[in-house]
Structure formats: C-alpha cells, structure tokens
Protein backbone atom coordinates (compact mmCIF):
# COMPACT_ATOMS: atom_id res chain seq x y z
CA MET A 1 59.88 -13.03 -49.52
CA ASN A 2 61.10 -10.19 -47.43
CA GLU A 3 61.97 -10.72 -43.76
CA ILE A 4 60.97 -7.50 -41.82
CA ALA A 5 61.99 -8.92 -38.49
CA PRO A 6 63.12 -12.31 -37.23
CA GLY A 7 60.30 -14.68 -38.02
CA ILE A 8 58.07 -12.13 -39.84
CA LEU A 9 58.01 -12.66 -43.59
CA THR A 10 56.13 -10.56 -46.14
CA GLU A 11 55.38 -10.93 -49.84
CA THR A 12 52.89 -9.63 -52.36
CA ILE A 13 51.24 -11.62 -55.08
CA GLU A 14 48.69 -10.98 -57.84
CA ASP A 15 50.54 -7.94 -59.08
CA GLY A 16 50.69 -6.50 -55.54
CA LYS A 17 46.96 -6.85 -54.82
CA ILE A 18 47.36 -9.44 -52.02
CA HIS A 19 49.83 -9.09 -49.11
CA ILE A 20 50.92 -12.24 -47.29
CA ILE A 21 52.35 -12.00 -43.85
CA THR A 22 53.87 -15.25 -42.49
CA ILE A 23 54.34 -15.20 -38.72
CA LYS A 24 56.99 -17.64 -37.36
CA SER A 25 57.94 -15.70 -34.18
CA ILE A 26 55.85 -13.97 -31.53
CA THR A 27 58.69 -12.26 -29.64
CA ARG A 28 57.80 -8.70 -28.75
CA PRO A 29 60.25 -7.20 -31.29
CA SER A 30 58.88 -9.42 -34.05
CA VAL A 31 55.23 -8.64 -33.09
CA ASN A 32 56.08 -4.91 -32.96
CA ALA A 33 57.66 -5.13 -36.45
CA TRP A 34 54.56 -6.95 -37.75
CA ALA A 35 52.16 -4.46 -36.22
CA GLN A 36 54.21 -1.48 -37.54
CA HIS A 37 54.32 -3.05 -41.04
CA ILE A 38 50.54 -3.41 -41.07
CA LYS A 39 50.04 0.16 -39.66
CA ASP A 40 52.19 1.54 -42.42
CA LEU A 41 50.41 -0.52 -45.02
CA ILE A 42 46.91 0.61 -43.87
CA THR A 43 47.81 4.29 -43.21
CA GLY A 44 49.59 4.46 -46.56
CA TRP A 45 46.64 2.99 -48.46
CA GLU A 46 45.89 5.63 -51.10
CA ASP A 47 42.98 4.27 -53.05
CA THR A 48 40.10 3.46 -50.70
CA ASN A 49 38.25 1.92 -53.68
CA LYS A 50 40.95 -0.66 -53.97
CA PRO A 51 40.32 -3.52 -51.49
CA TYR A 52 42.83 -4.17 -48.73
CA LEU A 53 43.62 -7.90 -49.06
CA VAL A 54 45.95 -9.56 -46.57
CA LEU A 55 46.63 -13.16 -45.65
CA TYR A 56 48.07 -13.91 -42.18
CA ASP A 57 49.77 -17.29 -42.00
CA PHE A 58 49.77 -18.46 -38.39
CA THR A 59 50.41 -22.06 -39.24
CA ASP A 60 53.80 -22.34 -37.56
CA PRO A 61 53.45 -24.69 -34.61
CA LYS A 62 55.61 -22.36 -32.46
CA VAL A 63 53.13 -19.47 -32.87
CA SER A 64 50.31 -18.80 -30.42
CA PHE A 65 47.93 -15.90 -29.97
CA THR A 66 49.40 -14.34 -26.85
CA PRO A 67 47.77 -11.38 -24.92
CA TYR A 68 50.43 -9.16 -26.61
CA VAL A 69 49.54 -10.33 -30.11
CA ARG A 70 45.81 -9.87 -29.25
CA GLU A 71 46.57 -6.30 -28.05
CA LYS A 72 48.42 -5.39 -31.23
CA SER A 73 45.77 -7.01 -33.34
CA ALA A 74 43.00 -5.04 -31.65
CA GLU A 75 44.96 -1.81 -32.32
CA LEU A 76 45.15 -2.58 -36.01
CA THR A 77 41.40 -3.29 -36.49
CA THR A 78 40.47 0.30 -35.65
CA LEU A 79 42.90 1.89 -38.23
CA ARG A 80 41.30 3.70 -41.14
CA PRO A 81 37.77 2.11 -41.23
CA GLU A 82 37.26 3.64 -44.65
CA VAL A 83 39.84 1.12 -46.03
CA THR A 84 37.64 -1.92 -46.69
CA GLY A 85 38.70 -5.34 -47.78
CA ARG A 86 39.41 -8.80 -46.51
CA ILE A 87 41.75 -10.41 -44.08
CA ALA A 88 42.30 -14.18 -44.37
CA VAL A 89 43.82 -15.87 -41.30
CA VAL A 90 45.32 -19.31 -41.92
CA LEU A 91 45.63 -21.51 -38.76
CA SER A 92 46.76 -25.01 -38.17
CA ARG A 93 43.83 -27.30 -37.40
CA GLY A 94 44.84 -27.62 -33.71
CA ALA A 95 44.52 -23.91 -33.13
CA ILE A 96 40.90 -23.81 -31.87
CA ASN A 97 41.70 -21.63 -28.79
CA PHE A 98 43.37 -19.16 -31.16
CA LEU A 99 40.31 -19.13 -33.33
CA VAL A 100 37.94 -18.39 -30.47
CA MET A 101 40.26 -15.54 -29.19
CA LEU A 102 40.56 -14.08 -32.63
CA PHE A 103 36.81 -13.90 -33.21
CA ALA A 104 36.20 -12.47 -29.71
CA GLN A 105 38.90 -9.84 -30.18
CA LEU A 106 38.59 -8.78 -33.80
CA ARG A 107 35.20 -9.54 -35.30
CA PRO A 108 32.83 -7.06 -33.62
CA ARG A 109 34.86 -3.98 -34.56
CA ALA A 110 36.49 -4.93 -37.78
CA ALA A 111 36.27 -2.54 -40.73
CA ARG A 112 37.50 -5.35 -42.88
CA GLN A 113 35.99 -8.76 -43.34
CA ILE A 114 37.90 -11.44 -41.43
CA LYS A 115 37.65 -15.16 -42.20
CA ILE A 116 39.51 -18.15 -40.72
CA PHE A 117 40.99 -20.86 -42.96
CA PHE A 118 42.90 -24.10 -42.38
CA ASP A 119 44.57 -24.05 -45.72
CA LYS A 120 46.30 -21.34 -47.74
CA GLU A 121 44.68 -22.20 -51.09
CA SER A 122 41.18 -21.59 -49.76
CA ALA A 123 42.27 -18.35 -48.13
CA LEU A 124 43.86 -17.07 -51.38
CA ALA A 125 40.73 -18.05 -53.35
CA TRP A 126 38.57 -16.04 -50.95
CA LEU A 127 40.96 -13.03 -51.15
CA ASN A 128 40.94 -13.26 -55.00
CA ASP A 129 37.14 -13.28 -54.90
CA GLY A 130 37.46 -10.00 -52.96
CA THR A 131 39.22 -8.37 -55.86
CA THR A 132 36.39 -9.41 -58.22
CA THR A 133 33.67 -8.37 -55.79
CA GLN A 134 35.33 -4.96 -55.30
CA LYS A 135 35.60 -4.39 -59.09
CA GLN A 136 31.88 -5.31 -59.57
CA GLN A 137 30.86 -2.89 -56.78
CA THR A 138 33.02 -0.09 -58.27
CA ARG A 139 31.43 -0.67 -61.73
CA GLN A 140 27.93 -0.50 -60.24
CA THR A 141 28.76 2.66 -58.36
CA ASP A 142 30.23 4.30 -61.49
CA ALA A 143 27.18 3.45 -63.62
C-alpha cells in the first residue's frame, strides 16, 4: 500500500487492473490528494478499451460523506466520459445516509458504473467481472 496523503491509501491488484483507494481521513488536504490522484489516474488513462476499475473503501468509522467530499466526487464523475468501467464503493452497514447522498450526487451523470457494497469481497468480485465483460465486448467488436 502507498499512502498518498495522511489517511489516503492506494494499491493495485490483479496485475494493475484494479485500483483500491482506502479513505481513512476526510480532512481537506487528504480529500484534495485523493481527488488529485483520481484525476491523474483518469486523465492518464491511455487505453479506453481497458476498463477503469476502482474500489473506494469508505468503511472507516471516522469517515463521512461531507459536502466537500461530495463536491470533489461530483467533479470526478465528469472527467473523460469515454473512459468506461466500474467503481465499487464499500461502506459500513451503518452508512445509509452516505449511500443516499452518493446515489443522488453521482449516479445520474456517471460515465462509469457505480455500485455500493457492504463487503470488500463482493466489490472485488464485481470489479473482476468487469474485466471479463470488457474482454468479451472487445472480442465481439473485433469480430
């Protein structure tokens, strides 16, 4: 794991296909670092046939979806709509208000599929399914 700012951890798995961002702090500097990391990731995405697969881990009990986090999230959803993929958001079970806000803020404009999970294993399975689905679509297009 790489700490890009206090409380913001990143890692890649599945040979770099899936990016995991663990959010343990929502201070403005940490949120800014998280948003910049995602902007850099999306704007630097070279192969638009390769799915963008990210897991956001918001399970830390100190984390909440503040207006500033919502603002930064909204900015990210409009970046490079040609980059398709999946975003898995893992929440603690008590985060229902966060869930409602997330759907209200992100879902209508999202270029990438967003799905909420309450456990990391299910989220990773869904993201892995996205790599398979993308490969099948690419093969059908190439045929």
